[in-house]
């Protein structure tokens, strides 16, 4: 179900809570969503660490900032642990303060559920209406050992049952969520991911450079991407892959395995491992012809795909998760056939290279125009406000 903005925006104060201040990925999603709701006429109390992009900290009419502590990343372990505790405590305090003014609370990427669940339960007991934005209907990677998976999975189920409604970012994510968890009669609403615009795009240069961007983990198919590029080059394709992003700390051995293979072929790969700033990402996008996205066991909507769509780039991608929805919507793409392995990635790269770059540029520019109209953050924010109004009123779906 997609919430249409068929009523006036919800004007009562609402709160939005997240643990991350990083202006990338899920952190940028929260910051853009808050700005979009304010631009759509909403009044928002935003509980989060300071945004890395200071544009989102500018005072705005309709925005109240309840700033939690930022967690240290480059410090001794004991300092990082203390800063993490401080972040959790100040986030809880911010939610308690927000509850004094707002009954509707959006939750997106909360603190670890061992801390977040008691807080959500107390908020629910106080009469709050919680709307949980479920980015990942199934975890990208399980954090607990297999024998404790029931506990980890059960904590997600409890969080969902504490919620009055759930938001997902694609139809495929909705299907996965309702098939996996017993959600009762609470609504599961599809509101699409908003745009991530880096500036005015330039045409793809056509020099064969591909970009694999984002968190480096197993279900992104990084190993398959490396093998596919090597196979395509062996078939005569003049391609080079840039891998840019941070390894997932949940899978510390995965990138080590991929890195060894990539570094043994410096003629084929450029590695930029670590946090990628907006400025550098803009450069990487302008230098590439397409994003390479051989995702597997992926059930979410892809923020990386939204970067591609918002900045006039085609993708070479599987149909996993929300990628399939975007491709069906018209995102210019060469689809990687199942199963996603080196050979199918190579075939897709060769098919992409066989089409003139001018054609890809024309299709990507047209889809960008379409995306900027349908997925602008004020339009997305208005849909969240409409949902808040329905939940506040108890209106049936």
Protein backbone atom coordinates (compact mmCIF):
# COMPACT_ATOMS: atom_id res chain seq x y z
CA UNK A 1 0.00 0.00 0.00
CA UNK A 2 1.36 3.43 -0.98
CA UNK A 3 0.18 6.40 1.03
CA UNK A 4 -0.95 9.18 -1.27
CA UNK A 5 -0.91 12.78 -0.06
CA UNK A 6 -4.70 13.16 -0.31
CA UNK A 7 -5.13 15.38 2.77
CA UNK A 8 -3.55 18.46 4.26
CA UNK A 9 -0.17 17.75 5.88
CA UNK A 10 -0.28 16.71 9.51
CA UNK A 11 0.37 19.95 11.41
CA UNK A 12 0.69 18.57 14.93
CA UNK A 13 4.25 18.07 16.15
CA UNK A 14 5.81 14.71 15.37
CA UNK A 15 9.17 13.26 16.42
CA UNK A 16 11.78 11.34 14.46
CA UNK A 17 14.49 9.35 16.22
CA UNK A 18 17.66 7.80 14.78
CA UNK A 19 21.06 6.86 16.15
CA UNK A 20 23.21 8.12 13.30
CA UNK A 21 24.44 11.58 12.42
CA UNK A 22 26.52 10.48 9.44
CA UNK A 23 25.35 12.30 6.33
CA UNK A 24 25.48 9.17 4.21
CA UNK A 25 23.27 6.12 3.80
CA UNK A 26 20.65 5.74 6.52
CA UNK A 27 21.83 8.87 8.32
CA UNK A 28 21.33 11.02 5.23
CA UNK A 29 17.93 9.36 4.72
CA UNK A 30 16.78 10.56 8.17
CA UNK A 31 18.16 14.07 7.65
CA UNK A 32 16.57 14.45 4.21
CA UNK A 33 13.27 13.01 5.47
CA UNK A 34 13.10 15.51 8.34
CA UNK A 35 13.85 18.37 5.94
CA UNK A 36 11.21 17.03 3.54
CA UNK A 37 8.54 16.87 6.26
CA UNK A 38 9.34 20.42 7.38
CA UNK A 39 9.25 21.64 3.77
CA UNK A 40 5.85 19.94 3.39
CA UNK A 41 4.48 21.96 6.31
CA UNK A 42 5.20 19.64 9.22
CA UNK A 43 6.48 20.42 12.70
CA UNK A 44 9.26 17.97 13.60
CA UNK A 45 11.30 17.22 16.71
CA UNK A 46 14.46 15.51 15.42
CA UNK A 47 16.38 13.30 17.86
CA UNK A 48 19.80 12.38 16.45
CA UNK A 49 23.53 13.08 16.82
CA UNK A 50 24.83 16.21 15.06
CA UNK A 51 24.66 15.86 11.28
CA UNK A 52 28.05 15.67 9.59
CA UNK A 53 26.62 17.84 6.81
CA UNK A 54 25.96 21.11 8.64
CA UNK A 55 23.27 22.12 6.16
CA UNK A 56 20.94 19.88 8.14
CA UNK A 57 21.73 21.71 11.38
CA UNK A 58 20.62 25.12 10.13
CA UNK A 59 17.73 26.56 12.18
CA UNK A 60 14.43 26.16 10.36
CA UNK A 61 10.88 27.10 11.16
CA UNK A 62 9.07 23.92 12.12
CA UNK A 63 12.22 22.07 13.25
CA UNK A 64 13.27 21.45 16.85
CA UNK A 65 16.65 19.71 17.29
CA UNK A 66 17.13 17.41 20.27
CA UNK A 67 20.77 16.51 19.78
CA UNK A 68 22.13 13.25 21.17
CA UNK A 69 25.83 12.59 21.65
CA UNK A 70 27.95 11.53 18.71
CA UNK A 71 29.78 8.23 19.07
CA UNK A 72 33.56 8.32 18.75
CA UNK A 73 35.08 6.22 15.97
CA UNK A 74 38.80 7.01 16.27
CA UNK A 75 39.63 6.61 19.95
CA UNK A 76 40.75 3.94 22.42
CA UNK A 77 38.21 1.18 22.92
CA UNK A 78 37.16 2.35 26.39
CA UNK A 79 36.48 5.85 25.11
CA UNK A 80 34.43 4.48 22.24
CA UNK A 81 32.42 2.36 24.67
CA UNK A 82 31.71 5.33 26.92
CA UNK A 83 30.71 7.49 23.96
CA UNK A 84 28.35 4.74 22.75
CA UNK A 85 26.68 4.61 26.17
CA UNK A 86 26.38 8.40 26.14
CA UNK A 87 24.81 8.31 22.70
CA UNK A 88 22.21 5.77 23.82
CA UNK A 89 21.42 7.66 27.03
CA UNK A 90 21.08 11.05 25.34
CA UNK A 91 18.96 9.53 22.57
CA UNK A 92 16.60 8.08 25.18
CA UNK A 93 16.44 11.42 26.97
CA UNK A 94 15.66 13.16 23.68
CA UNK A 95 12.80 10.74 22.98
CA UNK A 96 11.40 11.34 26.49
CA UNK A 97 11.57 15.10 25.94
CA UNK A 98 9.94 14.79 22.52
CA UNK A 99 7.10 12.73 24.01
CA UNK A 100 6.09 15.72 26.13
CA UNK A 101 5.15 17.51 22.91
CA UNK A 102 4.46 14.82 20.34
CA UNK A 103 2.40 11.65 20.27
CA UNK A 104 3.63 10.37 16.89
CA UNK A 105 7.21 9.04 16.85
CA UNK A 106 8.95 7.86 13.69
CA UNK A 107 11.84 5.47 14.34
CA UNK A 108 14.50 4.87 11.69
CA UNK A 109 17.77 3.02 12.44
CA UNK A 110 17.49 3.05 16.25
CA UNK A 111 20.14 2.18 18.80
CA UNK A 112 20.73 -1.57 19.34
CA UNK A 113 17.39 -3.13 20.22
CA UNK A 114 18.61 -4.31 23.61
CA UNK A 115 18.48 -0.59 24.52
CA UNK A 116 15.78 0.61 22.13
CA UNK A 117 13.10 -1.97 23.01
CA UNK A 118 12.62 -0.89 26.65
CA UNK A 119 12.44 2.73 25.54
CA UNK A 120 9.90 1.95 22.80
CA UNK A 121 7.84 -0.06 25.27
CA UNK A 122 7.76 2.83 27.75
CA UNK A 123 6.81 5.26 24.99
CA UNK A 124 4.03 2.94 23.89
CA UNK A 125 2.76 2.66 27.48
CA UNK A 126 2.71 6.46 27.65
CA UNK A 127 0.30 6.54 24.71
CA UNK A 128 2.78 7.27 21.94
CA UNK A 129 2.04 6.03 18.43
CA UNK A 130 5.26 4.55 17.00
CA UNK A 131 5.80 4.33 13.23
CA UNK A 132 8.84 2.18 12.46
CA UNK A 133 10.68 2.77 9.17
CA UNK A 134 11.96 -0.71 8.27
CA UNK A 135 14.91 -0.26 5.93
CA UNK A 136 15.87 -3.95 6.02
CA UNK A 137 13.00 -6.45 6.32
CA UNK A 138 15.70 -9.05 6.91
CA UNK A 139 19.15 -8.15 8.27
CA UNK A 140 21.92 -7.82 5.70
CA UNK A 141 24.03 -9.95 8.06
CA UNK A 142 23.06 -11.54 11.36
CA UNK A 143 25.10 -10.28 14.31
CA UNK A 144 24.49 -13.15 16.73
CA UNK A 145 25.69 -16.75 16.26
CA UNK A 146 23.30 -19.18 14.60
CA UNK A 147 22.19 -20.73 17.92
CA UNK A 148 21.00 -17.31 19.10
CA UNK A 149 19.38 -16.26 15.83
CA UNK A 150 15.93 -16.79 17.36
CA UNK A 151 16.73 -14.11 19.93
CA UNK A 152 17.97 -11.60 17.38
CA UNK A 153 15.05 -12.26 15.06
CA UNK A 154 12.64 -12.13 17.99
CA UNK A 155 13.86 -8.67 18.97
CA UNK A 156 12.88 -7.34 15.55
CA UNK A 157 9.47 -8.97 15.89
CA UNK A 158 8.95 -7.25 19.26
CA UNK A 159 9.94 -3.87 17.84
CA UNK A 160 7.43 -4.29 15.03
CA UNK A 161 4.66 -5.33 17.44
CA UNK A 162 5.32 -2.24 19.56
CA UNK A 163 4.64 -0.13 16.47
CA UNK A 164 1.30 1.25 15.33
CA UNK A 165 2.43 1.10 11.69
CA UNK A 166 5.44 0.06 9.65
CA UNK A 167 6.94 1.84 6.64
CA UNK A 168 8.98 0.03 4.00
CA UNK A 169 10.68 1.54 0.97
CA UNK A 170 9.60 -0.84 -1.80
CA UNK A 171 6.90 -3.35 -2.66
CA UNK A 172 9.41 -6.20 -2.55
CA UNK A 173 10.41 -5.19 0.99
CA UNK A 174 6.76 -5.21 2.03
CA UNK A 175 6.29 -8.70 0.63
CA UNK A 176 9.35 -9.99 2.53
CA UNK A 177 8.29 -8.35 5.79
CA UNK A 178 4.70 -9.61 5.83
CA UNK A 179 5.79 -13.12 4.85
CA UNK A 180 8.48 -13.27 7.57
CA UNK A 181 6.80 -11.77 10.66
CA UNK A 182 3.39 -12.02 12.29
CA UNK A 183 2.34 -8.40 12.14
CA UNK A 184 -1.35 -8.69 12.98
CA UNK A 185 -3.53 -5.93 11.59
CA UNK A 186 -0.99 -3.12 11.83
CA UNK A 187 -0.56 -1.44 8.44
CA UNK A 188 2.61 -1.97 6.41
CA UNK A 189 2.91 1.05 4.13
CA UNK A 190 5.16 1.56 1.11
CA UNK A 191 6.66 5.05 0.86
CA UNK A 192 9.47 5.18 -1.65
CA UNK A 193 13.04 6.27 -1.00
CA UNK A 194 13.76 9.90 -1.78
CA UNK A 195 16.43 11.27 -4.09
CA UNK A 196 20.11 11.77 -3.28
CA UNK A 197 21.19 14.59 -5.60
CA UNK A 198 24.91 15.48 -5.70
CA UNK A 199 24.56 18.48 -8.01
CA UNK A 200 24.07 18.95 -11.73
CA UNK A 201 25.17 15.69 -13.38
CA UNK A 202 27.62 15.43 -16.24
CA UNK A 203 27.26 12.85 -19.01
CA UNK A 204 28.99 9.52 -18.46
CA UNK A 205 32.41 9.80 -20.13
CA UNK A 206 32.33 6.39 -21.83
CA UNK A 207 35.80 5.26 -20.76
CA UNK A 208 34.67 1.97 -19.22
CA UNK A 209 34.96 2.93 -15.54
CA UNK A 210 32.38 1.23 -13.30
CA UNK A 211 31.60 2.07 -9.67
CA UNK A 212 30.80 -0.30 -6.82
CA UNK A 213 29.89 2.00 -3.93
CA UNK A 214 28.63 1.55 -0.37
CA UNK A 215 29.13 -0.74 2.58
CA UNK A 216 31.26 -3.71 1.55
CA UNK A 217 29.52 -6.89 2.57
CA UNK A 218 28.73 -10.35 1.23
CA UNK A 219 25.22 -9.66 -0.05
CA UNK A 220 26.52 -6.80 -2.22
CA UNK A 221 28.30 -9.42 -4.36
CA UNK A 222 31.69 -7.72 -4.17
CA UNK A 223 33.61 -10.92 -4.89
CA UNK A 224 31.32 -11.66 -7.86
CA UNK A 225 31.87 -8.11 -9.13
CA UNK A 226 35.65 -8.57 -9.04
CA UNK A 227 35.45 -11.92 -10.80
CA UNK A 228 33.00 -10.52 -13.37
CA UNK A 229 35.27 -7.60 -14.24
CA UNK A 230 38.25 -9.90 -14.68
CA UNK A 231 36.23 -12.21 -16.94
CA UNK A 232 34.92 -9.26 -19.01
CA UNK A 233 38.45 -7.94 -19.47
CA UNK A 234 39.55 -11.40 -20.58
CA UNK A 235 36.85 -11.16 -23.27
CA UNK A 236 38.29 -7.86 -24.50
CA UNK A 237 36.17 -5.33 -22.59
CA UNK A 238 38.07 -2.20 -21.62
CA UNK A 239 36.56 -1.85 -18.14
CA UNK A 240 37.93 -0.83 -14.78
CA UNK A 241 36.13 -1.08 -11.44
CA UNK A 242 36.32 1.43 -8.60
CA UNK A 243 35.38 -0.08 -5.22
CA UNK A 244 34.60 2.69 -2.72
CA UNK A 245 33.17 2.28 0.77
CA UNK A 246 33.68 0.84 4.23
CA UNK A 247 33.85 -2.88 5.04
CA UNK A 248 30.95 -4.12 7.18
CA UNK A 249 32.26 -4.74 10.72
CA UNK A 250 29.82 -7.66 11.04
CA UNK A 251 31.73 -9.51 8.27
CA UNK A 252 35.39 -8.62 8.95
CA UNK A 253 36.84 -11.50 6.92
CA UNK A 254 34.82 -10.94 3.76
CA UNK A 255 36.59 -7.84 2.48
CA UNK A 256 40.01 -9.32 3.31
CA UNK A 257 39.26 -12.16 0.90
CA UNK A 258 37.99 -9.79 -1.81
CA UNK A 259 40.85 -7.35 -1.33
CA UNK A 260 43.52 -9.96 -1.92
CA UNK A 261 42.05 -10.78 -5.32
CA UNK A 262 41.52 -7.14 -6.31
CA UNK A 263 45.02 -6.01 -5.30
CA UNK A 264 46.54 -8.81 -7.35
CA UNK A 265 45.12 -7.07 -10.46
CA UNK A 266 45.97 -3.36 -10.09
CA UNK A 267 45.36 -2.87 -13.80
CA UNK A 268 41.64 -3.62 -13.27
CA UNK A 269 40.73 -2.11 -9.90
CA UNK A 270 40.96 1.13 -7.94
CA UNK A 271 40.26 0.77 -4.22
CA UNK A 272 39.06 3.63 -2.01
CA UNK A 273 38.35 1.86 1.26
CA UNK A 274 36.92 3.99 4.04
CA UNK A 275 34.34 6.73 4.46
CA UNK A 276 33.55 8.49 1.18
CA UNK A 277 32.69 12.18 1.51
CA UNK A 278 29.94 13.79 -0.55
CA UNK A 279 32.56 15.72 -2.50
CA UNK A 280 34.49 12.58 -3.40
CA UNK A 281 31.31 10.66 -4.22
CA UNK A 282 30.31 13.40 -6.63
CA UNK A 283 33.68 13.00 -8.37
CA UNK A 284 33.38 9.21 -8.47
CA UNK A 285 29.93 9.39 -10.02
CA UNK A 286 31.03 11.91 -12.65
CA UNK A 287 33.96 9.65 -13.60
CA UNK A 288 31.96 6.42 -13.97
CA UNK A 289 29.80 5.09 -16.78
CA UNK A 290 27.56 2.96 -14.54
CA UNK A 291 27.11 1.53 -11.06
CA UNK A 292 27.83 -2.18 -10.67
CA UNK A 293 25.39 -3.82 -8.24
CA UNK A 294 25.48 -7.65 -8.27
CA UNK A 295 23.40 -7.94 -5.09
CA UNK A 296 22.27 -11.29 -3.67
CA UNK A 297 20.05 -12.17 -0.69
CA UNK A 298 19.12 -8.50 -0.61
CA UNK A 299 15.60 -7.49 0.46
CA UNK A 300 15.83 -3.71 0.95
CA UNK A 301 15.56 -0.67 -1.24
CA UNK A 302 19.00 0.48 -2.29
CA UNK A 303 20.19 3.95 -1.38
CA UNK A 304 23.06 3.39 -3.83
CA UNK A 305 20.58 2.80 -6.64
CA UNK A 306 18.90 6.07 -5.68
CA UNK A 307 22.27 7.82 -5.97
CA UNK A 308 22.57 6.40 -9.49
CA UNK A 309 19.02 7.35 -10.46
CA UNK A 310 19.29 10.85 -8.96
CA UNK A 311 22.55 11.61 -10.76
CA UNK A 312 21.84 10.27 -14.24
CA UNK A 313 23.72 7.00 -14.20
CA UNK A 314 22.70 3.58 -15.45
CA UNK A 315 23.21 0.41 -13.42
CA UNK A 316 24.44 -3.09 -14.09
CA UNK A 317 22.45 -4.86 -11.42
CA UNK A 318 20.52 -7.88 -10.23
CA UNK A 319 16.79 -7.63 -9.50
CA UNK A 320 17.30 -8.30 -5.78
CA UNK A 321 15.07 -6.38 -3.37
CA UNK A 322 14.06 -2.89 -4.38
CA UNK A 323 16.42 -2.95 -7.38
CA UNK A 324 13.82 -4.98 -9.26
CA UNK A 325 11.15 -2.38 -8.47
CA UNK A 326 13.33 0.47 -9.77
CA UNK A 327 14.27 -1.42 -12.93
CA UNK A 328 10.58 -2.13 -13.58
CA UNK A 329 9.93 1.60 -13.05
CA UNK A 330 12.38 2.45 -15.82
CA UNK A 331 15.81 2.78 -14.20
CA UNK A 332 18.22 2.23 -17.13
CA UNK A 333 19.88 -1.09 -16.47
CA UNK A 334 21.44 -4.25 -17.75
CA UNK A 335 20.05 -7.00 -15.53
CA UNK A 336 22.49 -9.55 -14.14
CA UNK A 337 20.92 -12.97 -14.63
CA UNK A 338 20.47 -15.47 -11.81
CA UNK A 339 22.45 -16.98 -10.28
CA UNK A 340 24.62 -13.94 -9.61
CA UNK A 341 28.13 -15.31 -10.16
CA UNK A 342 31.24 -14.06 -11.93
CA UNK A 343 30.09 -15.37 -15.30
CA UNK A 344 26.67 -13.68 -15.22
CA UNK A 345 28.21 -10.43 -13.99
CA UNK A 346 30.69 -10.59 -16.89
CA UNK A 347 27.90 -11.17 -19.40
CA UNK A 348 26.01 -8.15 -18.11
CA UNK A 349 29.12 -5.95 -18.28
CA UNK A 350 29.72 -7.00 -21.88
CA UNK A 351 26.07 -6.27 -22.75
CA UNK A 352 26.36 -2.81 -21.19
CA UNK A 353 29.55 -2.08 -23.13
CA UNK A 354 27.86 -3.11 -26.38
CA UNK A 355 25.40 -0.18 -26.14
CA UNK A 356 26.74 3.30 -27.03
CA UNK A 357 27.29 5.52 -24.01
CA UNK A 358 25.21 8.27 -25.63
CA UNK A 359 22.15 6.01 -25.45
CA UNK A 360 22.79 5.27 -21.76
CA UNK A 361 23.21 9.00 -21.10
CA UNK A 362 19.90 9.83 -22.74
CA UNK A 363 17.99 7.14 -20.84
CA UNK A 364 19.66 8.02 -17.54
CA UNK A 365 18.91 11.73 -17.93
CA UNK A 366 15.25 11.02 -18.70
CA UNK A 367 14.90 8.74 -15.67
CA UNK A 368 16.60 11.35 -13.48
CA UNK A 369 13.97 13.90 -14.49
CA UNK A 370 11.23 11.40 -13.67
CA UNK A 371 12.82 10.56 -10.32
CA UNK A 372 13.29 14.17 -9.25
CA UNK A 373 9.57 14.76 -9.78
CA UNK A 374 8.19 11.64 -8.11
CA UNK A 375 10.73 11.16 -5.30
CA UNK A 376 11.56 14.71 -4.21
CA UNK A 377 11.86 14.84 -0.41
CA UNK A 378 9.00 17.34 0.14
CA UNK A 379 6.69 14.92 -1.72
CA UNK A 380 8.05 12.00 0.32
CA UNK A 381 7.73 14.06 3.52
CA UNK A 382 4.09 14.86 2.71
CA UNK A 383 3.36 11.13 2.47
CA UNK A 384 4.88 10.57 5.93
CA UNK A 385 2.77 13.43 7.30
CA UNK A 386 -0.34 11.94 5.74
CA UNK A 387 0.47 8.63 7.38
CA UNK A 388 1.00 10.36 10.74
CA UNK A 389 -2.42 11.98 10.41
CA UNK A 390 -4.12 8.66 9.74
CA UNK A 391 -2.37 6.93 12.65
CA UNK A 392 -3.13 9.83 14.99
CA UNK A 393 -6.80 9.76 14.02
CA UNK A 394 -7.01 5.96 14.04
CA UNK A 395 -8.26 6.01 10.45
CA UNK A 396 -8.60 2.53 8.92
CA UNK A 397 -6.46 1.62 5.92
